């Protein structure tokens, strides 16, 4: 059985999906982009600020199930340019204890929703 999770502390879904789904002890987040949930504005000033907003949104989704980044076992990062990899990696890494960091892939894609530069999804265990 699955349980649906949505929180007002993260952006509303842009389509027919939920922010997260729990199936057994596995928690799957939908991809998050840098939308500030308080005002609906995109944070695109620079890649570091954009990535921080993505991580803040992911934290809110995780917290809706009373879990946090320590529970994350896998992340998927989609970026529009590998030239941003180091800055994205620095911000992303600041949210994890490096001894307990999750598995991850980072993939450059042709285009992301709303013209953003980074989208991240996560899988966590409870």
Protein backbone atom coordinates (compact mmCIF):
# COMPACT_ATOMS: atom_id res chain seq x y z
CA UNK A 1 0.00 0.00 0.00
CA UNK A 2 1.20 3.50 -0.73
CA UNK A 3 0.69 6.76 1.10
CA UNK A 4 0.75 10.17 -0.61
CA UNK A 5 2.64 13.13 0.87
CA UNK A 6 2.20 16.81 0.02
CA UNK A 7 3.19 19.85 2.08
CA UNK A 8 2.59 23.56 1.72
CA UNK A 9 6.25 24.03 2.72
CA UNK A 10 7.34 22.93 -0.77
CA UNK A 11 6.06 24.03 -4.20
CA UNK A 12 2.78 22.56 -5.40
CA UNK A 13 3.20 19.93 -8.12
CA UNK A 14 3.17 21.35 -11.65
CA UNK A 15 1.22 18.41 -13.06
CA UNK A 16 -0.58 15.16 -12.22
CA UNK A 17 1.81 13.93 -9.52
CA UNK A 18 2.43 14.28 -5.78
CA UNK A 19 5.45 15.64 -3.95
CA UNK A 20 6.21 12.21 -2.52
CA UNK A 21 4.95 8.67 -2.11
CA UNK A 22 5.68 6.19 0.69
CA UNK A 23 5.61 2.52 -0.30
CA UNK A 24 6.49 0.20 2.56
CA UNK A 25 9.55 1.74 4.17
CA UNK A 26 10.64 3.50 0.95
CA UNK A 27 9.98 7.22 0.45
CA UNK A 28 10.16 8.57 -3.11
CA UNK A 29 10.23 12.31 -3.76
CA UNK A 30 9.26 13.87 -7.04
CA UNK A 31 11.87 16.11 -8.60
CA UNK A 32 12.12 19.51 -6.98
CA UNK A 33 13.09 22.72 -8.70
CA UNK A 34 13.91 26.14 -7.23
CA UNK A 35 10.42 27.51 -6.67
CA UNK A 36 10.00 29.41 -3.44
CA UNK A 37 6.78 27.91 -1.98
CA UNK A 38 5.97 31.11 -0.08
CA UNK A 39 5.57 33.28 -3.17
CA UNK A 40 5.75 30.90 -6.15
CA UNK A 41 8.78 32.69 -7.59
CA UNK A 42 11.66 30.86 -9.26
CA UNK A 43 15.09 31.38 -7.72
CA UNK A 44 17.41 31.66 -10.75
CA UNK A 45 19.81 34.44 -9.67
CA UNK A 46 22.77 32.06 -9.55
CA UNK A 47 23.27 28.29 -9.51
CA UNK A 48 24.22 28.12 -5.82
CA UNK A 49 21.08 29.96 -4.67
CA UNK A 50 19.01 27.88 -7.08
CA UNK A 51 20.46 24.64 -5.70
CA UNK A 52 19.92 25.76 -2.10
CA UNK A 53 16.23 26.38 -2.85
CA UNK A 54 15.94 22.91 -4.39
CA UNK A 55 17.47 21.37 -1.26
CA UNK A 56 15.21 23.46 1.01
CA UNK A 57 12.21 22.16 -0.93
CA UNK A 58 13.44 18.57 -0.68
CA UNK A 59 14.00 18.99 3.06
CA UNK A 60 10.38 20.16 3.43
CA UNK A 61 9.11 17.14 1.49
CA UNK A 62 11.24 14.76 3.57
CA UNK A 63 10.13 16.46 6.79
CA UNK A 64 6.48 15.91 5.81
CA UNK A 65 7.16 12.22 6.57
CA UNK A 66 9.21 13.04 9.70
CA UNK A 67 12.48 12.11 7.99
CA UNK A 68 15.49 14.11 6.81
CA UNK A 69 18.60 13.91 4.64
CA UNK A 70 20.08 11.19 6.88
CA UNK A 71 17.36 8.85 5.57
CA UNK A 72 18.21 9.45 1.90
CA UNK A 73 19.75 6.44 0.14
CA UNK A 74 19.68 7.68 -3.48
CA UNK A 75 19.57 11.02 -5.26
CA UNK A 76 19.13 11.85 -8.92
CA UNK A 77 20.39 15.22 -10.09
CA UNK A 78 19.45 16.60 -13.49
CA UNK A 79 21.34 19.68 -14.68
CA UNK A 80 21.20 21.78 -17.82
CA UNK A 81 24.99 22.30 -17.97
CA UNK A 82 27.91 20.28 -16.63
CA UNK A 83 29.70 23.61 -16.21
CA UNK A 84 27.52 24.09 -13.10
CA UNK A 85 28.47 20.68 -11.66
CA UNK A 86 31.03 21.91 -9.10
CA UNK A 87 28.78 24.63 -7.67
CA UNK A 88 25.78 22.29 -7.52
CA UNK A 89 27.93 19.59 -5.94
CA UNK A 90 29.26 22.01 -3.28
CA UNK A 91 25.76 23.08 -2.24
CA UNK A 92 24.28 19.56 -2.41
CA UNK A 93 27.19 18.16 -0.38
CA UNK A 94 26.69 20.72 2.38
CA UNK A 95 23.38 19.03 3.27
CA UNK A 96 24.96 15.61 3.93
CA UNK A 97 27.44 14.04 6.29
CA UNK A 98 30.02 12.82 3.76
CA UNK A 99 30.47 9.56 5.70
CA UNK A 100 26.75 8.83 5.23
CA UNK A 101 26.11 10.39 1.81
CA UNK A 102 23.61 8.61 -0.45
CA UNK A 103 24.28 6.99 -3.80
CA UNK A 104 23.78 9.44 -6.65
CA UNK A 105 23.94 10.18 -10.32
CA UNK A 106 24.19 13.55 -12.04
CA UNK A 107 22.95 13.79 -15.61
CA UNK A 108 23.05 16.70 -18.04
CA UNK A 109 19.74 17.07 -19.85
CA UNK A 110 18.60 19.20 -22.77
CA UNK A 111 15.89 21.08 -20.88
CA UNK A 112 14.22 21.18 -17.46
CA UNK A 113 10.78 22.45 -16.39
CA UNK A 114 10.31 26.24 -16.38
CA UNK A 115 13.84 26.70 -17.79
CA UNK A 116 15.56 25.88 -14.48
CA UNK A 117 19.16 24.71 -14.28
CA UNK A 118 18.83 21.92 -11.71
CA UNK A 119 16.21 19.40 -10.56
CA UNK A 120 16.78 16.81 -7.82
CA UNK A 121 14.74 13.81 -6.68
CA UNK A 122 15.47 11.46 -3.79
CA UNK A 123 14.70 8.02 -2.41
CA UNK A 124 14.80 7.59 1.37
CA UNK A 125 14.15 4.79 3.83
CA UNK A 126 12.15 5.03 7.03
